[in-house]
Amino acid sequence: MNPLDLFNQVKELIETKDFEAAKTFVAENQEQLGEYFSQAQQLISGSEGLGWPQLQRLKDFSKTCKGT
């Protein structure tokens, strides 16, 4: 998998509120995530405790940022 695919996997885990799995996935794929590693960590830490409306906005926002 390329780094963007891995990052998208992290986003999917967050969207399903599986934060522990997201943390584990990021830790296990740190090197493969490359430049997306810090973004993935920030996404997880910023998403914990969010309710559904905030997660939906995050999902919508992430669609507009594909490839960044």
PDB file of N, CA and C in Angstrom:
ATOM      1  N   MET A   1       0.829  -1.183   0.000  1.00  0.00           N
ATOM      2  CA  MET A   1       0.000   0.000   0.000  1.00  0.00           C
ATOM      3  C   MET A   1       0.871   1.243   0.000  1.00  0.00           C
ATOM      4  N   ASN A   2       0.424   2.257  -0.710  1.00  0.00           N
ATOM      5  CA  ASN A   2       1.185   3.504  -0.703  1.00  0.00           C
ATOM      6  C   ASN A   2       0.770   4.352   0.505  1.00  0.00           C
ATOM      7  N   PRO A   3       1.542   5.384   0.843  1.00  0.00           N
ATOM      8  CA  PRO A   3       1.255   6.176   2.038  1.00  0.00           C
ATOM      9  C   PRO A   3      -0.150   6.786   2.062  1.00  0.00           C
ATOM     10  N   LEU A   4      -0.645   7.250   0.943  1.00  0.00           N
ATOM     11  CA  LEU A   4      -1.976   7.849   0.913  1.00  0.00           C
ATOM     12  C   LEU A   4      -3.053   6.808   1.206  1.00  0.00           C
ATOM     13  N   ASP A   5      -2.893   5.607   0.681  1.00  0.00           N
ATOM     14  CA  ASP A   5      -3.847   4.524   0.980  1.00  0.00           C
ATOM     15  C   ASP A   5      -3.845   4.192   2.465  1.00  0.00           C
ATOM     16  N   LEU A   6      -2.661   4.169   3.069  1.00  0.00           N
ATOM     17  CA  LEU A   6      -2.557   3.900   4.501  1.00  0.00           C
ATOM     18  C   LEU A   6      -3.239   5.009   5.304  1.00  0.00           C
ATOM     19  N   PHE A   7      -3.020   6.256   4.899  1.00  0.00           N
ATOM     20  CA  PHE A   7      -3.643   7.384   5.579  1.00  0.00           C
ATOM     21  C   PHE A   7      -5.166   7.307   5.456  1.00  0.00           C
ATOM     22  N   ASN A   8      -5.649   6.926   4.294  1.00  0.00           N
ATOM     23  CA  ASN A   8      -7.092   6.775   4.107  1.00  0.00           C
ATOM     24  C   ASN A   8      -7.642   5.664   4.994  1.00  0.00           C
ATOM     25  N   GLN A   9      -6.858   4.641   5.216  1.00  0.00           N
ATOM     26  CA  GLN A   9      -7.268   3.557   6.129  1.00  0.00           C
ATOM     27  C   GLN A   9      -7.422   4.099   7.553  1.00  0.00           C
ATOM     28  N   VAL A  10      -6.509   4.962   7.957  1.00  0.00           N
ATOM     29  CA  VAL A  10      -6.596   5.585   9.277  1.00  0.00           C
ATOM     30  C   VAL A  10      -7.885   6.406   9.369  1.00  0.00           C
ATOM     31  N   LYS A  11      -8.179   7.176   8.331  1.00  0.00           N
ATOM     32  CA  LYS A  11      -9.402   7.984   8.328  1.00  0.00           C
ATOM     33  C   LYS A  11     -10.643   7.114   8.445  1.00  0.00           C
ATOM     34  N   GLU A  12     -10.640   5.977   7.773  1.00  0.00           N
ATOM     35  CA  GLU A  12     -11.790   5.066   7.850  1.00  0.00           C
ATOM     36  C   GLU A  12     -11.968   4.532   9.268  1.00  0.00           C
ATOM     37  N   LEU A  13     -10.871   4.191   9.920  1.00  0.00           N
ATOM     38  CA  LEU A  13     -10.948   3.708  11.300  1.00  0.00           C
ATOM     39  C   LEU A  13     -11.491   4.796  12.223  1.00  0.00           C
ATOM     40  N   ILE A  14     -11.086   6.021  11.997  1.00  0.00           N
ATOM     41  CA  ILE A  14     -11.556   7.132  12.813  1.00  0.00           C
ATOM     42  C   ILE A  14     -13.042   7.383  12.569  1.00  0.00           C
ATOM     43  N   GLU A  15     -13.457   7.295  11.316  1.00  0.00           N
ATOM     44  CA  GLU A  15     -14.861   7.510  10.986  1.00  0.00           C
ATOM     45  C   GLU A  15     -15.768   6.494  11.675  1.00  0.00           C
ATOM     46  N   THR A  16     -15.245   5.302  11.927  1.00  0.00           N
ATOM     47  CA  THR A  16     -16.025   4.282  12.638  1.00  0.00           C
ATOM     48  C   THR A  16     -15.780   4.338  14.143  1.00  0.00           C
ATOM     49  N   LYS A  17     -15.065   5.383  14.578  1.00  0.00           N
ATOM     50  CA  LYS A  17     -14.749   5.627  15.988  1.00  0.00           C
ATOM     51  C   LYS A  17     -13.920   4.513  16.616  1.00  0.00           C
ATOM     52  N   ASP A  18     -13.118   3.845  15.818  1.00  0.00           N
ATOM     53  CA  ASP A  18     -12.238   2.800  16.323  1.00  0.00           C
ATOM     54  C   ASP A  18     -10.848   3.400  16.546  1.00  0.00           C
ATOM     55  N   PHE A  19     -10.760   4.258  17.566  1.00  0.00           N
ATOM     56  CA  PHE A  19      -9.541   5.017  17.798  1.00  0.00           C
ATOM     57  C   PHE A  19      -8.363   4.143  18.214  1.00  0.00           C
ATOM     58  N   GLU A  20      -8.614   3.115  19.000  1.00  0.00           N
ATOM     59  CA  GLU A  20      -7.520   2.231  19.419  1.00  0.00           C
ATOM     60  C   GLU A  20      -6.930   1.504  18.217  1.00  0.00           C
ATOM     61  N   ALA A  21      -7.796   1.037  17.317  1.00  0.00           N
ATOM     62  CA  ALA A  21      -7.307   0.370  16.104  1.00  0.00           C
ATOM     63  C   ALA A  21      -6.541   1.354  15.236  1.00  0.00           C
ATOM     64  N   ALA A  22      -7.011   2.592  15.174  1.00  0.00           N
ATOM     65  CA  ALA A  22      -6.318   3.617  14.382  1.00  0.00           C
ATOM     66  C   ALA A  22      -4.928   3.883  14.955  1.00  0.00           C
ATOM     67  N   LYS A  23      -4.843   4.001  16.286  1.00  0.00           N
ATOM     68  CA  LYS A  23      -3.543   4.221  16.930  1.00  0.00           C
ATOM     69  C   LYS A  23      -2.591   3.067  16.656  1.00  0.00           C
ATOM     70  N   THR A  24      -3.092   1.854  16.779  1.00  0.00           N
ATOM     71  CA  THR A  24      -2.269   0.671  16.531  1.00  0.00           C
ATOM     72  C   THR A  24      -1.821   0.625  15.084  1.00  0.00           C
ATOM     73  N   PHE A  25      -2.735   0.893  14.171  1.00  0.00           N
ATOM     74  CA  PHE A  25      -2.425   0.870  12.739  1.00  0.00           C
ATOM     75  C   PHE A  25      -1.335   1.884  12.408  1.00  0.00           C
ATOM     76  N   VAL A  26      -1.456   3.093  12.965  1.00  0.00           N
ATOM     77  CA  VAL A  26      -0.456   4.137  12.715  1.00  0.00           C
ATOM     78  C   VAL A  26       0.899   3.719  13.280  1.00  0.00           C
ATOM     79  N   ALA A  27       0.900   3.169  14.487  1.00  0.00           N
ATOM     80  CA  ALA A  27       2.160   2.741  15.108  1.00  0.00           C
ATOM     81  C   ALA A  27       2.830   1.632  14.292  1.00  0.00           C
ATOM     82  N   GLU A  28       2.024   0.693  13.803  1.00  0.00           N
ATOM     83  CA  GLU A  28       2.577  -0.428  13.034  1.00  0.00           C
ATOM     84  C   GLU A  28       3.036  -0.019  11.633  1.00  0.00           C
ATOM     85  N   ASN A  29       2.492   1.071  11.120  1.00  0.00           N
ATOM     86  CA  ASN A  29       2.804   1.495   9.747  1.00  0.00           C
ATOM     87  C   ASN A  29       3.518   2.840   9.701  1.00  0.00           C
ATOM     88  N   GLN A  30       4.192   3.186  10.780  1.00  0.00           N
ATOM     89  CA  GLN A  30       4.851   4.485  10.898  1.00  0.00           C
ATOM     90  C   GLN A  30       5.777   4.776   9.713  1.00  0.00           C
ATOM     91  N   GLU A  31       6.646   3.872   9.404  1.00  0.00           N
ATOM     92  CA  GLU A  31       7.606   4.100   8.323  1.00  0.00           C
ATOM     93  C   GLU A  31       6.922   4.166   6.961  1.00  0.00           C
ATOM     94  N   GLN A  32       5.942   3.302   6.733  1.00  0.00           N
ATOM     95  CA  GLN A  32       5.245   3.265   5.455  1.00  0.00           C
ATOM     96  C   GLN A  32       4.375   4.500   5.238  1.00  0.00           C
ATOM     97  N   LEU A  33       3.891   5.110   6.339  1.00  0.00           N
ATOM     98  CA  LEU A  33       3.073   6.320   6.217  1.00  0.00           C
ATOM     99  C   LEU A  33       3.908   7.509   5.754  1.00  0.00           C
ATOM    100  N   GLY A  34       5.184   7.473   6.040  1.00  0.00           N
ATOM    101  CA  GLY A  34       6.073   8.547   5.600  1.00  0.00           C
ATOM    102  C   GLY A  34       5.590   9.908   6.061  1.00  0.00           C
ATOM    103  N   GLU A  35       5.409  10.822   5.112  1.00  0.00           N
ATOM    104  CA  GLU A  35       5.001  12.194   5.425  1.00  0.00           C
ATOM    105  C   GLU A  35       3.605  12.265   6.039  1.00  0.00           C
ATOM    106  N   TYR A  36       2.819  11.218   5.904  1.00  0.00           N
ATOM    107  CA  TYR A  36       1.463  11.209   6.454  1.00  0.00           C
ATOM    108  C   TYR A  36       1.419  10.779   7.923  1.00  0.00           C
ATOM    109  N   PHE A  37       2.555  10.346   8.468  1.00  0.00           N
ATOM    110  CA  PHE A  37       2.577   9.856   9.846  1.00  0.00           C
ATOM    111  C   PHE A  37       2.107  10.914  10.837  1.00  0.00           C
ATOM    112  N   SER A  38       2.694  12.096  10.788  1.00  0.00           N
ATOM    113  CA  SER A  38       2.311  13.129  11.753  1.00  0.00           C
ATOM    114  C   SER A  38       0.876  13.590  11.529  1.00  0.00           C
ATOM    115  N   GLN A  39       0.446  13.621  10.278  1.00  0.00           N
ATOM    116  CA  GLN A  39      -0.940  13.992   9.988  1.00  0.00           C
ATOM    117  C   GLN A  39      -1.907  12.960  10.571  1.00  0.00           C
ATOM    118  N   ALA A  40      -1.553  11.701  10.467  1.00  0.00           N
ATOM    119  CA  ALA A  40      -2.396  10.633  11.014  1.00  0.00           C
ATOM    120  C   ALA A  40      -2.486  10.739  12.528  1.00  0.00           C
ATOM    121  N   GLN A  41      -1.365  11.014  13.171  1.00  0.00           N
ATOM    122  CA  GLN A  41      -1.363  11.172  14.628  1.00  0.00           C
ATOM    123  C   GLN A  41      -2.237  12.352  15.046  1.00  0.00           C
ATOM    124  N   GLN A  42      -2.117  13.459  14.329  1.00  0.00           N
ATOM    125  CA  GLN A  42      -2.913  14.640  14.646  1.00  0.00           C
ATOM    126  C   GLN A  42      -4.393  14.383  14.412  1.00  0.00           C
ATOM    127  N   LEU A  43      -4.700  13.648  13.367  1.00  0.00           N
ATOM    128  CA  LEU A  43      -6.087  13.328  13.060  1.00  0.00           C
ATOM    129  C   LEU A  43      -6.704  12.498  14.181  1.00  0.00           C
ATOM    130  N   ILE A  44      -5.957  11.527  14.679  1.00  0.00           N
ATOM    131  CA  ILE A  44      -6.451  10.686  15.774  1.00  0.00           C
ATOM    132  C   ILE A  44      -6.647  11.520  17.036  1.00  0.00           C
ATOM    133  N   SER A  45      -5.630  12.279  17.412  1.00  0.00           N
ATOM    134  CA  SER A  45      -5.731  13.042  18.655  1.00  0.00           C
ATOM    135  C   SER A  45      -6.805  14.114  18.562  1.00  0.00           C
ATOM    136  N   GLY A  46      -7.021  14.663  17.384  1.00  0.00           N
ATOM    137  CA  GLY A  46      -8.048  15.681  17.215  1.00  0.00           C
ATOM    138  C   GLY A  46      -9.448  15.118  17.101  1.00  0.00           C
ATOM    139  N   SER A  47      -9.570  13.834  16.838  1.00  0.00           N
ATOM    140  CA  SER A  47     -10.876  13.227  16.615  1.00  0.00           C
ATOM    141  C   SER A  47     -11.449  12.558  17.852  1.00  0.00           C
ATOM    142  N   GLU A  48     -10.615  12.169  18.765  1.00  0.00           N
ATOM    143  CA  GLU A  48     -11.115  11.505  19.974  1.00  0.00           C
ATOM    144  C   GLU A  48     -12.023  12.465  20.729  1.00  0.00           C
ATOM    145  N   GLY A  49     -13.160  11.967  21.110  1.00  0.00           N
ATOM    146  CA  GLY A  49     -14.108  12.784  21.839  1.00  0.00           C
ATOM    147  C   GLY A  49     -15.073  13.553  20.954  1.00  0.00           C
ATOM    148  N   LEU A  50     -14.900  13.459  19.640  1.00  0.00           N
ATOM    149  CA  LEU A  50     -15.837  14.122  18.741  1.00  0.00           C
ATOM    150  C   LEU A  50     -17.125  13.332  18.635  1.00  0.00           C
ATOM    151  N   GLY A  51     -18.205  14.025  18.485  1.00  0.00           N
ATOM    152  CA  GLY A  51     -19.480  13.372  18.245  1.00  0.00           C
ATOM    153  C   GLY A  51     -19.705  13.159  16.759  1.00  0.00           C
ATOM    154  N   TRP A  52     -20.846  12.576  16.405  1.00  0.00           N
ATOM    155  CA  TRP A  52     -21.140  12.250  15.011  1.00  0.00           C
ATOM    156  C   TRP A  52     -21.104  13.465  14.094  1.00  0.00           C
ATOM    157  N   PRO A  53     -21.718  14.616  14.449  1.00  0.00           N
ATOM    158  CA  PRO A  53     -21.691  15.758  13.522  1.00  0.00           C
ATOM    159  C   PRO A  53     -20.274  16.203  13.178  1.00  0.00           C
ATOM    160  N   GLN A  54     -19.399  16.205  14.177  1.00  0.00           N
ATOM    161  CA  GLN A  54     -18.019  16.610  13.912  1.00  0.00           C
ATOM    162  C   GLN A  54     -17.304  15.590  13.033  1.00  0.00           C
ATOM    163  N   LEU A  55     -17.574  14.300  13.263  1.00  0.00           N
ATOM    164  CA  LEU A  55     -16.951  13.266  12.436  1.00  0.00           C
ATOM    165  C   LEU A  55     -17.449  13.360  11.000  1.00  0.00           C
ATOM    166  N   GLN A  56     -18.720  13.683  10.806  1.00  0.00           N
ATOM    167  CA  GLN A  56     -19.249  13.827   9.453  1.00  0.00           C
ATOM    168  C   GLN A  56     -18.578  14.999   8.745  1.00  0.00           C
ATOM    169  N   ARG A  57     -18.390  16.111   9.462  1.00  0.00           N
ATOM    170  CA  ARG A  57     -17.691  17.252   8.857  1.00  0.00           C
ATOM    171  C   ARG A  57     -16.253  16.879   8.517  1.00  0.00           C
ATOM    172  N   LEU A  58     -15.603  16.106   9.398  1.00  0.00           N
ATOM    173  CA  LEU A  58     -14.242  15.642   9.136  1.00  0.00           C
ATOM    174  C   LEU A  58     -14.215  14.793   7.874  1.00  0.00           C
ATOM    175  N   LYS A  59     -15.188  13.904   7.741  1.00  0.00           N
ATOM    176  CA  LYS A  59     -15.269  13.040   6.571  1.00  0.00           C
ATOM    177  C   LYS A  59     -15.454  13.875   5.306  1.00  0.00           C
ATOM    178  N   ASP A  60     -16.363  14.845   5.361  1.00  0.00           N
ATOM    179  CA  ASP A  60     -16.605  15.708   4.209  1.00  0.00           C
ATOM    180  C   ASP A  60     -15.364  16.523   3.866  1.00  0.00           C
ATOM    181  N   PHE A  61     -14.696  17.044   4.900  1.00  0.00           N
ATOM    182  CA  PHE A  61     -13.484  17.826   4.685  1.00  0.00           C
ATOM    183  C   PHE A  61     -12.379  16.971   4.072  1.00  0.00           C
ATOM    184  N   SER A  62     -12.244  15.745   4.554  1.00  0.00           N
ATOM    185  CA  SER A  62     -11.175  14.890   4.043  1.00  0.00           C
ATOM    186  C   SER A  62     -11.389  14.554   2.572  1.00  0.00           C
ATOM    187  N   LYS A  63     -12.638  14.510   2.133  1.00  0.00           N
ATOM    188  CA  LYS A  63     -12.916  14.268   0.717  1.00  0.00           C
ATOM    189  C   LYS A  63     -12.400  15.424  -0.142  1.00  0.00           C
ATOM    190  N   THR A  64     -12.481  16.644   0.390  1.00  0.00           N
ATOM    191  CA  THR A  64     -12.013  17.797  -0.377  1.00  0.00           C
ATOM    192  C   THR A  64     -10.498  17.910  -0.377  1.00  0.00           C
ATOM    193  N   CYS A  65      -9.831  17.200   0.545  1.00  0.00           N
ATOM    194  CA  CYS A  65      -8.377  17.299   0.678  1.00  0.00           C
ATOM    195  C   CYS A  65      -7.656  16.086   0.108  1.00  0.00           C
ATOM    196  N   LYS A  66      -8.334  15.265  -0.663  1.00  0.00           N
ATOM    197  CA  LYS A  66      -7.676  14.050  -1.185  1.00  0.00           C
ATOM    198  C   LYS A  66      -6.399  14.418  -1.910  1.00  0.00           C
ATOM    199  N   GLY A  67      -5.382  13.656  -1.597  1.00  0.00           N
ATOM    200  CA  GLY A  67      -4.098  13.842  -2.264  1.00  0.00           C
ATOM    201  C   GLY A  67      -3.207  14.861  -1.597  1.00  0.00           C
ATOM    202  N   THR A  68      -3.639  15.436  -0.480  1.00  0.00           N
ATOM    203  CA  THR A  68      -2.770  16.404   0.190  1.00  0.00           C
ATOM    204  C   THR A  68      -2.068  15.765   1.334  1.00  0.00           C
TER     205      THR A  68
END
